[in-house]
Amino acid sequence: MAEYAADLRAAEAKLRRSLVTPEGVDLSLKLATRGQRAAAFTLDLIIMVGILIAFSLLALVGIFTAAGEYVAILWLIGFFTLRNFYFIIMEMGPRAATWGKRVNGLRVVARSGARLTADAVIARNLMREIEFYLPLSFLFYRSAEGSADGAMWLLGLGWSCLFLFFPFFNKDGLRVGDLLAGTWVISAPKRLLGAELLAERGGQEPEYAFTDAQLDAYGVFELQTLERVLRELDPEAMATVSWTIRNKIGIGEVAGDYGFLNAYYAALRARLERKLLFGRRRLDKHDV
C-alpha cells in the first residue's frame, strides 16, 4: 500500500507545473492526463453529433414544406458553425472549457500565466481542422466517390496518427494546437471554496467593506486567478495574493488571509457582474 501511495504521489508530481501570474504569484497547477483529454474530446464529439442529428431532423421536416431550400441552407450554416466554432466559442467563455472539459473537470489556461486571449483560443482550435477534421473529411469524401484506394487510406491514417500521437512525445501532453497557442489543459475539478477552513472557523468569517475604487483595481482575469487560489487552499499562495491585493488597494493587516480573499472575491465578482449589466466587461487590471 505504501509503495502504491508513493507511485501515486510521483505520478501527481509529474503532472504539476508552476504558473507564475503577472502579480508574481506562483500557482501550482495539475495538467490534465491524456486520458482525461481524450474522454473530454470524445464527449464533445458525441454532443456535437447529437446536436447535428437534432438539427438534421428539424431540417428533414422543413424540406417537405415550401421553405425546404431555405432549411437546407440553414442546415449547412449550422453544420459549418458547429464544426468551426463550438470549441472556440466555449473556450473563450469565462470557464475556458467546452461541455466535455467541464464534465471531466478540465479547463484551458495560458502557459505564460497571463489571461487566456481570443487569439490563443482560435489558434489552438483552428489546428484541430488540420489534426482531425481534414483527414477524416478527405477519406469520407473519397469513400463516397468509391475512389479511396489502400494507399489513400494509409496516407489519411498516417496523417491522423501523426497528430493523434503527438501528445505522447512531449512531457506536457501538448497537442500541436497547444504548442502553437501557448496553452495548457489543466485539471481543475470544482470544489467548495475553503470548505475545510470554514469548518475550522465554524463558518464565521470577518466582514469587510470595499469601495468601488478598491474593487476596480482588478478585472475578470484576476478574479479567475483568485478563484484558483481559493480552490487550491495553498496557505503560501493565499498569503502572497492577500499581501499583493492589500498592498495595491491600501488595506493593512487582516485577521486571516482566506477570510479576506473570500470577501474580496465575492465583492469583486458582484462588482464585475453589475458593470456587465451596463455593457462594460473589464478584462484585467490593464483594461481601462
C-alpha atoms as a PDB file:
ATOM      1  CA  MET A   1       0.000   0.000   0.000  1.00  0.00           C
ATOM      2  CA  ALA A   2       2.821   2.388   0.866  1.00  0.00           C
ATOM      3  CA  GLU A   3       4.501   1.739  -2.491  1.00  0.00           C
ATOM      4  CA  TYR A   4       1.207   2.331  -4.305  1.00  0.00           C
ATOM      5  CA  ALA A   5       0.710   5.641  -2.475  1.00  0.00           C
ATOM      6  CA  ALA A   6       4.279   6.636  -3.321  1.00  0.00           C
ATOM      7  CA  ASP A   7       3.659   5.836  -7.001  1.00  0.00           C
ATOM      8  CA  LEU A   8       0.508   7.965  -6.950  1.00  0.00           C
ATOM      9  CA  ARG A   9       2.413  10.881  -5.440  1.00  0.00           C
ATOM     10  CA  ALA A  10       5.153  10.501  -8.046  1.00  0.00           C
ATOM     11  CA  ALA A  11       2.599  10.450 -10.874  1.00  0.00           C
ATOM     12  CA  GLU A  12       0.907  13.512  -9.376  1.00  0.00           C
ATOM     13  CA  ALA A  13       4.230  15.355  -9.170  1.00  0.00           C
ATOM     14  CA  LYS A  14       4.930  14.669 -12.855  1.00  0.00           C
ATOM     15  CA  LEU A  15       1.700  16.449 -13.770  1.00  0.00           C
ATOM     16  CA  ARG A  16       2.362  19.501 -11.581  1.00  0.00           C
ATOM     17  CA  ARG A  17       3.520  22.686 -13.305  1.00  0.00           C
ATOM     18  CA  SER A  18       4.443  26.087 -11.952  1.00  0.00           C
ATOM     19  CA  LEU A  19       2.471  29.001 -13.418  1.00  0.00           C
ATOM     20  CA  VAL A  20       3.535  32.495 -12.374  1.00  0.00           C
ATOM     21  CA  THR A  21       0.852  35.141 -12.769  1.00  0.00           C
ATOM     22  CA  PRO A  22       1.617  38.788 -13.695  1.00  0.00           C
ATOM     23  CA  GLU A  23       1.212  39.567  -9.973  1.00  0.00           C
ATOM     24  CA  GLY A  24       4.176  37.286  -9.222  1.00  0.00           C
ATOM     25  CA  VAL A  25       2.017  34.561  -7.632  1.00  0.00           C
ATOM     26  CA  ASP A  26       3.331  31.054  -8.245  1.00  0.00           C
ATOM     27  CA  LEU A  27       0.343  28.750  -8.793  1.00  0.00           C
ATOM     28  CA  SER A  28       0.915  25.013  -8.789  1.00  0.00           C
ATOM     29  CA  LEU A  29      -1.354  23.595 -11.485  1.00  0.00           C
ATOM     30  CA  LYS A  30      -2.061  19.997 -12.351  1.00  0.00           C
ATOM     31  CA  LEU A  31      -2.031  19.134 -16.053  1.00  0.00           C
ATOM     32  CA  ALA A  32      -4.849  17.041 -17.454  1.00  0.00           C
ATOM     33  CA  THR A  33      -3.861  13.499 -18.304  1.00  0.00           C
ATOM     34  CA  ARG A  34      -4.013  12.288 -21.893  1.00  0.00           C
ATOM     35  CA  GLY A  35      -6.894  10.022 -20.907  1.00  0.00           C
ATOM     36  CA  GLN A  36      -8.871  12.925 -19.450  1.00  0.00           C
ATOM     37  CA  ARG A  37      -8.367  14.977 -22.594  1.00  0.00           C
ATOM     38  CA  ALA A  38      -9.367  12.074 -24.838  1.00  0.00           C
ATOM     39  CA  ALA A  39     -12.501  11.469 -22.758  1.00  0.00           C
ATOM     40  CA  ALA A  40     -13.419  15.171 -22.910  1.00  0.00           C
ATOM     41  CA  PHE A  41     -12.896  15.332 -26.679  1.00  0.00           C
ATOM     42  CA  THR A  42     -14.944  12.157 -27.210  1.00  0.00           C
ATOM     43  CA  LEU A  43     -17.797  13.585 -25.146  1.00  0.00           C
ATOM     44  CA  ASP A  44     -17.642  16.838 -27.122  1.00  0.00           C
ATOM     45  CA  LEU A  45     -17.865  14.872 -30.373  1.00  0.00           C
ATOM     46  CA  ILE A  46     -20.904  12.974 -29.046  1.00  0.00           C
ATOM     47  CA  ILE A  47     -22.550  16.267 -28.067  1.00  0.00           C
ATOM     48  CA  MET A  48     -21.797  17.772 -31.489  1.00  0.00           C
ATOM     49  CA  VAL A  49     -23.171  14.715 -33.296  1.00  0.00           C
ATOM     50  CA  GLY A  50     -26.289  14.829 -31.084  1.00  0.00           C
ATOM     51  CA  ILE A  51     -26.861  18.494 -31.918  1.00  0.00           C
ATOM     52  CA  LEU A  52     -26.291  17.790 -35.607  1.00  0.00           C
ATOM     53  CA  ILE A  53     -28.764  14.877 -35.593  1.00  0.00           C
ATOM     54  CA  ALA A  54     -31.424  17.001 -33.898  1.00  0.00           C
ATOM     55  CA  PHE A  55     -30.796  19.834 -36.365  1.00  0.00           C
ATOM     56  CA  SER A  56     -30.952  17.355 -39.276  1.00  0.00           C
ATOM     57  CA  LEU A  57     -34.326  16.029 -38.130  1.00  0.00           C
ATOM     58  CA  LEU A  58     -35.679  19.569 -37.991  1.00  0.00           C
ATOM     59  CA  ALA A  59     -34.250  20.237 -41.444  1.00  0.00           C
ATOM     60  CA  LEU A  60     -35.794  16.995 -42.777  1.00  0.00           C
ATOM     61  CA  VAL A  61     -39.205  18.148 -41.604  1.00  0.00           C
ATOM     62  CA  GLY A  62     -38.651  21.530 -43.222  1.00  0.00           C
ATOM     63  CA  ILE A  63     -37.619  20.012 -46.558  1.00  0.00           C
ATOM     64  CA  PHE A  64     -41.172  18.736 -47.067  1.00  0.00           C
ATOM     65  CA  THR A  65     -42.528  22.241 -46.712  1.00  0.00           C
ATOM     66  CA  ALA A  66     -42.382  25.187 -49.076  1.00  0.00           C
ATOM     67  CA  ALA A  67     -39.323  26.512 -47.237  1.00  0.00           C
ATOM     68  CA  GLY A  68     -37.278  23.386 -47.923  1.00  0.00           C
ATOM     69  CA  GLU A  69     -34.471  25.185 -49.779  1.00  0.00           C
ATOM     70  CA  TYR A  70     -34.037  27.740 -47.011  1.00  0.00           C
ATOM     71  CA  VAL A  71     -33.951  24.999 -44.378  1.00  0.00           C
ATOM     72  CA  ALA A  72     -31.211  23.209 -46.303  1.00  0.00           C
ATOM     73  CA  ILE A  73     -29.170  26.406 -46.386  1.00  0.00           C
ATOM     74  CA  LEU A  74     -29.679  26.911 -42.658  1.00  0.00           C
ATOM     75  CA  TRP A  75     -28.568  23.311 -42.037  1.00  0.00           C
ATOM     76  CA  LEU A  76     -25.325  23.935 -43.921  1.00  0.00           C
ATOM     77  CA  ILE A  77     -24.734  27.141 -41.964  1.00  0.00           C
ATOM     78  CA  GLY A  78     -25.460  25.319 -38.702  1.00  0.00           C
ATOM     79  CA  PHE A  79     -23.082  22.473 -39.587  1.00  0.00           C
ATOM     80  CA  PHE A  80     -20.319  24.912 -40.514  1.00  0.00           C
ATOM     81  CA  THR A  81     -20.808  26.911 -37.293  1.00  0.00           C
ATOM     82  CA  LEU A  82     -20.856  23.805 -35.093  1.00  0.00           C
ATOM     83  CA  ARG A  83     -17.745  22.342 -36.671  1.00  0.00           C
ATOM     84  CA  ASN A  84     -15.692  25.509 -36.634  1.00  0.00           C
ATOM     85  CA  PHE A  85     -16.901  27.492 -33.620  1.00  0.00           C
ATOM     86  CA  TYR A  86     -18.136  25.022 -30.968  1.00  0.00           C
ATOM     87  CA  PHE A  87     -14.726  24.736 -29.309  1.00  0.00           C
ATOM     88  CA  ILE A  88     -13.731  28.361 -29.935  1.00  0.00           C
ATOM     89  CA  ILE A  89     -16.872  29.979 -28.506  1.00  0.00           C
ATOM     90  CA  MET A  90     -16.974  27.787 -25.400  1.00  0.00           C
ATOM     91  CA  GLU A  91     -13.271  28.119 -24.598  1.00  0.00           C
ATOM     92  CA  MET A  92     -13.485  31.890 -24.981  1.00  0.00           C
ATOM     93  CA  GLY A  93     -16.109  31.924 -22.223  1.00  0.00           C
ATOM     94  CA  PRO A  94     -15.337  32.599 -18.543  1.00  0.00           C
ATOM     95  CA  ARG A  95     -14.872  28.880 -17.804  1.00  0.00           C
ATOM     96  CA  ALA A  96     -12.455  28.398 -20.717  1.00  0.00           C
ATOM     97  CA  ALA A  97     -13.861  24.915 -21.280  1.00  0.00           C
ATOM     98  CA  THR A  98     -16.256  23.019 -23.513  1.00  0.00           C
ATOM     99  CA  TRP A  99     -19.018  20.849 -22.053  1.00  0.00           C
ATOM    100  CA  GLY A 100     -16.774  17.803 -22.383  1.00  0.00           C
ATOM    101  CA  LYS A 101     -13.991  19.535 -20.464  1.00  0.00           C
ATOM    102  CA  ARG A 102     -16.386  20.748 -17.758  1.00  0.00           C
ATOM    103  CA  VAL A 103     -17.680  17.231 -17.126  1.00  0.00           C
ATOM    104  CA  ASN A 104     -14.102  15.997 -16.787  1.00  0.00           C
ATOM    105  CA  GLY A 105     -13.027  18.943 -14.616  1.00  0.00           C
ATOM    106  CA  LEU A 106     -10.690  20.488 -17.207  1.00  0.00           C
ATOM    107  CA  ARG A 107     -10.039  23.991 -18.487  1.00  0.00           C
ATOM    108  CA  VAL A 108      -7.625  25.817 -20.791  1.00  0.00           C
ATOM    109  CA  VAL A 109      -5.034  28.265 -19.446  1.00  0.00           C
ATOM    110  CA  ALA A 110      -2.176  30.261 -20.940  1.00  0.00           C
ATOM    111  CA  ARG A 111       1.246  28.781 -20.159  1.00  0.00           C
ATOM    112  CA  SER A 112       2.650  32.287 -19.629  1.00  0.00           C
ATOM    113  CA  GLY A 113       0.344  32.875 -16.650  1.00  0.00           C
ATOM    114  CA  ALA A 114      -1.367  35.781 -18.442  1.00  0.00           C
ATOM    115  CA  ARG A 115      -5.024  35.992 -19.372  1.00  0.00           C
ATOM    116  CA  LEU A 116      -6.144  33.449 -21.969  1.00  0.00           C
ATOM    117  CA  THR A 117      -6.638  35.512 -25.115  1.00  0.00           C
ATOM    118  CA  ALA A 118      -9.012  35.027 -28.024  1.00  0.00           C
ATOM    119  CA  ASP A 119      -6.025  34.692 -30.366  1.00  0.00           C
ATOM    120  CA  ALA A 120      -4.696  31.719 -28.385  1.00  0.00           C
ATOM    121  CA  VAL A 121      -8.093  30.008 -28.300  1.00  0.00           C
ATOM    122  CA  ILE A 122      -8.607  30.484 -32.035  1.00  0.00           C
ATOM    123  CA  ALA A 123      -5.095  29.268 -32.875  1.00  0.00           C
ATOM    124  CA  ARG A 124      -5.320  26.077 -30.795  1.00  0.00           C
ATOM    125  CA  ASN A 125      -8.713  25.179 -32.236  1.00  0.00           C
ATOM    126  CA  LEU A 126      -8.023  26.034 -35.873  1.00  0.00           C
ATOM    127  CA  MET A 127      -5.226  23.458 -35.713  1.00  0.00           C
ATOM    128  CA  ARG A 128      -7.875  20.830 -34.953  1.00  0.00           C
ATOM    129  CA  GLU A 129      -9.060  21.292 -38.536  1.00  0.00           C
ATOM    130  CA  ILE A 130      -5.687  20.014 -39.754  1.00  0.00           C
ATOM    131  CA  GLU A 131      -5.259  17.469 -36.964  1.00  0.00           C
ATOM    132  CA  PHE A 132      -8.661  15.805 -37.098  1.00  0.00           C
ATOM    133  CA  TYR A 133     -11.328  17.125 -39.440  1.00  0.00           C
ATOM    134  CA  LEU A 134      -9.324  17.477 -42.650  1.00  0.00           C
ATOM    135  CA  PRO A 135      -8.032  13.887 -42.944  1.00  0.00           C
ATOM    136  CA  LEU A 136     -11.393  12.413 -41.928  1.00  0.00           C
ATOM    137  CA  SER A 137     -13.305  14.631 -44.345  1.00  0.00           C
ATOM    138  CA  PHE A 138     -10.922  13.710 -47.141  1.00  0.00           C
ATOM    139  CA  LEU A 139     -11.288   9.991 -46.509  1.00  0.00           C
ATOM    140  CA  PHE A 140     -15.078  10.116 -46.226  1.00  0.00           C
ATOM    141  CA  TYR A 141     -15.297  12.153 -49.422  1.00  0.00           C
ATOM    142  CA  ARG A 142     -13.129   9.744 -51.380  1.00  0.00           C
ATOM    143  CA  SER A 143     -15.025   6.763 -49.959  1.00  0.00           C
ATOM    144  CA  ALA A 144     -18.334   8.279 -51.053  1.00  0.00           C
ATOM    145  CA  GLU A 145     -16.916   8.551 -54.564  1.00  0.00           C
ATOM    146  CA  GLY A 146     -15.653   4.985 -54.403  1.00  0.00           C
ATOM    147  CA  SER A 147     -12.124   6.101 -55.229  1.00  0.00           C
ATOM    148  CA  ALA A 148     -10.369   5.655 -51.883  1.00  0.00           C
ATOM    149  CA  ASP A 149      -7.733   3.004 -52.537  1.00  0.00           C
ATOM    150  CA  GLY A 150      -5.476   1.352 -49.987  1.00  0.00           C
ATOM    151  CA  ALA A 151      -2.673   3.883 -50.408  1.00  0.00           C
ATOM    152  CA  MET A 152      -5.064   6.775 -49.875  1.00  0.00           C
ATOM    153  CA  TRP A 153      -6.426   5.212 -46.691  1.00  0.00           C
ATOM    154  CA  LEU A 154      -2.906   4.637 -45.384  1.00  0.00           C
ATOM    155  CA  LEU A 155      -1.987   8.239 -46.157  1.00  0.00           C
ATOM    156  CA  GLY A 156      -5.022   9.544 -44.287  1.00  0.00           C
ATOM    157  CA  LEU A 157      -4.433   7.162 -41.397  1.00  0.00           C
ATOM    158  CA  GLY A 158      -0.770   8.136 -41.152  1.00  0.00           C
ATOM    159  CA  TRP A 159      -1.636  11.841 -41.219  1.00  0.00           C
ATOM    160  CA  SER A 160      -4.185  11.371 -38.429  1.00  0.00           C
ATOM    161  CA  CYS A 161      -1.850   9.232 -36.315  1.00  0.00           C
ATOM    162  CA  LEU A 162       0.940  11.812 -36.662  1.00  0.00           C
ATOM    163  CA  PHE A 163      -1.176  14.348 -34.792  1.00  0.00           C
ATOM    164  CA  LEU A 164      -3.048  11.804 -32.663  1.00  0.00           C
ATOM    165  CA  PHE A 165       0.135  10.512 -31.012  1.00  0.00           C
ATOM    166  CA  PHE A 166       1.923  13.879 -30.847  1.00  0.00           C
ATOM    167  CA  PRO A 167       0.928  14.375 -27.154  1.00  0.00           C
ATOM    168  CA  PHE A 168       2.820  11.173 -26.274  1.00  0.00           C
ATOM    169  CA  PHE A 169       6.105  12.658 -27.466  1.00  0.00           C
ATOM    170  CA  ASN A 170       6.232  15.644 -25.070  1.00  0.00           C
ATOM    171  CA  LYS A 171       6.122  15.644 -21.288  1.00  0.00           C
ATOM    172  CA  ASP A 172       3.219  18.096 -21.052  1.00  0.00           C
ATOM    173  CA  GLY A 173       0.974  16.061 -23.371  1.00  0.00           C
ATOM    174  CA  LEU A 174       0.523  19.028 -25.689  1.00  0.00           C
ATOM    175  CA  ARG A 175      -1.369  18.928 -28.953  1.00  0.00           C
ATOM    176  CA  VAL A 176       0.183  20.778 -31.861  1.00  0.00           C
ATOM    177  CA  GLY A 177      -2.519  23.400 -31.305  1.00  0.00           C
ATOM    178  CA  ASP A 178      -1.423  23.836 -27.668  1.00  0.00           C
ATOM    179  CA  LEU A 179       2.196  24.168 -28.746  1.00  0.00           C
ATOM    180  CA  LEU A 180       1.400  26.925 -31.228  1.00  0.00           C
ATOM    181  CA  ALA A 181      -1.064  28.781 -28.987  1.00  0.00           C
ATOM    182  CA  GLY A 182       0.994  28.564 -25.789  1.00  0.00           C
ATOM    183  CA  THR A 183      -1.738  26.828 -23.770  1.00  0.00           C
ATOM    184  CA  TRP A 184      -2.152  24.057 -21.225  1.00  0.00           C
ATOM    185  CA  VAL A 185      -5.214  21.987 -20.435  1.00  0.00           C
ATOM    186  CA  ILE A 186      -5.305  21.638 -16.655  1.00  0.00           C
ATOM    187  CA  SER A 187      -7.312  19.540 -14.242  1.00  0.00           C
ATOM    188  CA  ALA A 188      -9.450  21.902 -12.170  1.00  0.00           C
ATOM    189  CA  PRO A 189     -12.330  19.964 -10.581  1.00  0.00           C
ATOM    190  CA  LYS A 190     -14.956  22.032  -8.814  1.00  0.00           C
ATOM    191  CA  ARG A 191     -14.759  22.113  -5.043  1.00  0.00           C
ATOM    192  CA  LEU A 192     -16.443  24.205  -2.396  1.00  0.00           C
ATOM    193  CA  LEU A 193     -14.295  27.233  -1.738  1.00  0.00           C
ATOM    194  CA  GLY A 194     -12.462  26.777   1.539  1.00  0.00           C
ATOM    195  CA  ALA A 195     -14.750  24.093   2.970  1.00  0.00           C
ATOM    196  CA  GLU A 196     -12.033  22.915   5.360  1.00  0.00           C
ATOM    197  CA  LEU A 197     -11.206  26.432   6.553  1.00  0.00           C
ATOM    198  CA  LEU A 198     -14.845  27.337   7.060  1.00  0.00           C
ATOM    199  CA  ALA A 199     -15.299  24.212   9.140  1.00  0.00           C
ATOM    200  CA  GLU A 200     -12.331  25.182  11.302  1.00  0.00           C
ATOM    201  CA  ARG A 201     -13.767  28.658  11.880  1.00  0.00           C
ATOM    202  CA  GLY A 202     -17.296  27.385  12.466  1.00  0.00           C
ATOM    203  CA  GLY A 203     -18.486  29.188   9.345  1.00  0.00           C
ATOM    204  CA  GLN A 204     -17.717  32.603  10.844  1.00  0.00           C
ATOM    205  CA  GLU A 205     -15.700  34.996   8.723  1.00  0.00           C
ATOM    206  CA  PRO A 206     -14.885  38.647   9.483  1.00  0.00           C
ATOM    207  CA  GLU A 207     -16.797  41.188   7.401  1.00  0.00           C
ATOM    208  CA  TYR A 208     -15.019  43.548   5.031  1.00  0.00           C
ATOM    209  CA  ALA A 209     -16.311  46.570   3.161  1.00  0.00           C
ATOM    210  CA  PHE A 210     -14.614  47.616  -0.077  1.00  0.00           C
ATOM    211  CA  THR A 211     -15.015  50.839  -2.014  1.00  0.00           C
ATOM    212  CA  ASP A 212     -15.677  50.871  -5.769  1.00  0.00           C
ATOM    213  CA  ALA A 213     -12.161  52.184  -6.335  1.00  0.00           C
ATOM    214  CA  GLN A 214     -10.670  49.241  -4.429  1.00  0.00           C
ATOM    215  CA  LEU A 215     -12.735  46.770  -6.442  1.00  0.00           C
ATOM    216  CA  ASP A 216     -11.930  48.473  -9.758  1.00  0.00           C
ATOM    217  CA  ALA A 217      -8.236  47.712  -9.214  1.00  0.00           C
ATOM    218  CA  TYR A 218      -8.784  44.265 -10.760  1.00  0.00           C
ATOM    219  CA  GLY A 219     -10.727  42.622 -13.577  1.00  0.00           C
ATOM    220  CA  VAL A 220     -12.043  39.265 -14.799  1.00  0.00           C
ATOM    221  CA  PHE A 221      -8.616  37.672 -15.230  1.00  0.00           C
ATOM    222  CA  GLU A 222      -7.583  38.494 -11.656  1.00  0.00           C
ATOM    223  CA  LEU A 223     -10.964  37.225 -10.441  1.00  0.00           C
ATOM    224  CA  GLN A 224     -10.300  33.856 -12.106  1.00  0.00           C
ATOM    225  CA  THR A 225      -6.791  33.736 -10.628  1.00  0.00           C
ATOM    226  CA  LEU A 226      -8.166  34.497  -7.171  1.00  0.00           C
ATOM    227  CA  GLU A 227     -10.748  31.733  -7.567  1.00  0.00           C
ATOM    228  CA  ARG A 228      -8.000  29.223  -8.396  1.00  0.00           C
ATOM    229  CA  VAL A 229      -6.041  30.281  -5.310  1.00  0.00           C
ATOM    230  CA  LEU A 230      -9.110  29.840  -3.093  1.00  0.00           C
ATOM    231  CA  ARG A 231      -9.821  26.415  -4.564  1.00  0.00           C
ATOM    232  CA  GLU A 232      -6.247  25.203  -4.099  1.00  0.00           C
ATOM    233  CA  LEU A 233      -6.145  26.337  -0.432  1.00  0.00           C
ATOM    234  CA  ASP A 234      -2.370  26.714  -0.546  1.00  0.00           C
ATOM    235  CA  PRO A 235      -1.503  28.847   2.521  1.00  0.00           C
ATOM    236  CA  GLU A 236       1.652  30.277   0.913  1.00  0.00           C
ATOM    237  CA  ALA A 237      -0.160  31.279  -2.280  1.00  0.00           C
ATOM    238  CA  MET A 238      -3.056  32.783  -0.307  1.00  0.00           C
ATOM    239  CA  ALA A 239      -0.644  34.790   1.826  1.00  0.00           C
ATOM    240  CA  THR A 240       1.144  36.128  -1.258  1.00  0.00           C
ATOM    241  CA  VAL A 241      -2.087  37.041  -3.061  1.00  0.00           C
ATOM    242  CA  SER A 242      -3.563  38.586   0.087  1.00  0.00           C
ATOM    243  CA  TRP A 243      -0.487  40.784   0.594  1.00  0.00           C
ATOM    244  CA  THR A 244      -0.459  41.785  -3.093  1.00  0.00           C
ATOM    245  CA  ILE A 245      -4.119  42.829  -3.101  1.00  0.00           C
ATOM    246  CA  ARG A 246      -3.955  44.608   0.267  1.00  0.00           C
ATOM    247  CA  ASN A 247      -0.827  46.480  -0.772  1.00  0.00           C
ATOM    248  CA  LYS A 248      -2.481  47.575  -4.027  1.00  0.00           C
ATOM    249  CA  ILE A 249      -5.806  48.728  -2.552  1.00  0.00           C
ATOM    250  CA  GLY A 250      -4.398  50.148   0.689  1.00  0.00           C
ATOM    251  CA  ILE A 251      -5.550  47.749   3.411  1.00  0.00           C
ATOM    252  CA  GLY A 252      -3.346  46.846   6.357  1.00  0.00           C
ATOM    253  CA  GLU A 253      -3.198  43.628   8.340  1.00  0.00           C
ATOM    254  CA  VAL A 254      -6.231  41.330   8.340  1.00  0.00           C
ATOM    255  CA  ALA A 255      -7.476  38.620  10.697  1.00  0.00           C
ATOM    256  CA  GLY A 256      -6.957  35.868   8.143  1.00  0.00           C
ATOM    257  CA  ASP A 257      -5.850  35.613   4.523  1.00  0.00           C
ATOM    258  CA  TYR A 258      -8.617  33.232   3.490  1.00  0.00           C
ATOM    259  CA  GLY A 259     -11.383  35.320   5.042  1.00  0.00           C
ATOM    260  CA  PHE A 260     -10.075  38.491   3.390  1.00  0.00           C
ATOM    261  CA  LEU A 261      -9.629  36.837  -0.022  1.00  0.00           C
ATOM    262  CA  ASN A 262     -13.026  35.189   0.109  1.00  0.00           C
ATOM    263  CA  ALA A 263     -14.679  38.515   0.951  1.00  0.00           C
ATOM    264  CA  TYR A 264     -12.765  40.372  -1.767  1.00  0.00           C
ATOM    265  CA  TYR A 265     -13.599  37.638  -4.308  1.00  0.00           C
ATOM    266  CA  ALA A 266     -17.324  37.896  -3.546  1.00  0.00           C
ATOM    267  CA  ALA A 267     -17.297  41.708  -3.679  1.00  0.00           C
ATOM    268  CA  LEU A 268     -15.217  41.832  -6.882  1.00  0.00           C
ATOM    269  CA  ARG A 269     -17.431  39.291  -8.608  1.00  0.00           C
ATOM    270  CA  ALA A 270     -20.572  41.218  -7.667  1.00  0.00           C
ATOM    271  CA  ARG A 271     -18.966  44.461  -8.875  1.00  0.00           C
ATOM    272  CA  LEU A 272     -17.980  42.966 -12.254  1.00  0.00           C
ATOM    273  CA  GLU A 273     -21.425  41.423 -12.724  1.00  0.00           C
ATOM    274  CA  ARG A 274     -23.092  44.778 -12.038  1.00  0.00           C
ATOM    275  CA  LYS A 275     -20.836  46.514 -14.554  1.00  0.00           C
ATOM    276  CA  LEU A 276     -21.544  43.783 -17.105  1.00  0.00           C
ATOM    277  CA  LEU A 277     -25.233  44.649 -16.928  1.00  0.00           C
ATOM    278  CA  PHE A 278     -24.296  48.065 -18.334  1.00  0.00           C
ATOM    279  CA  GLY A 279     -22.212  46.575 -21.138  1.00  0.00           C
ATOM    280  CA  ARG A 280     -18.782  47.098 -19.557  1.00  0.00           C
ATOM    281  CA  ARG A 281     -16.600  43.988 -19.201  1.00  0.00           C
ATOM    282  CA  ARG A 282     -13.206  44.766 -17.661  1.00  0.00           C
ATOM    283  CA  LEU A 283     -10.859  42.005 -18.770  1.00  0.00           C
ATOM    284  CA  ASP A 284      -7.986  42.670 -16.375  1.00  0.00           C
ATOM    285  CA  LYS A 285      -6.287  45.411 -14.354  1.00  0.00           C
ATOM    286  CA  HIS A 286      -4.730  46.890 -17.524  1.00  0.00           C
ATOM    287  CA  ASP A 287      -8.103  47.277 -19.271  1.00  0.00           C
ATOM    288  CA  VAL A 288      -9.094  50.883 -18.616  1.00  0.00           C
END
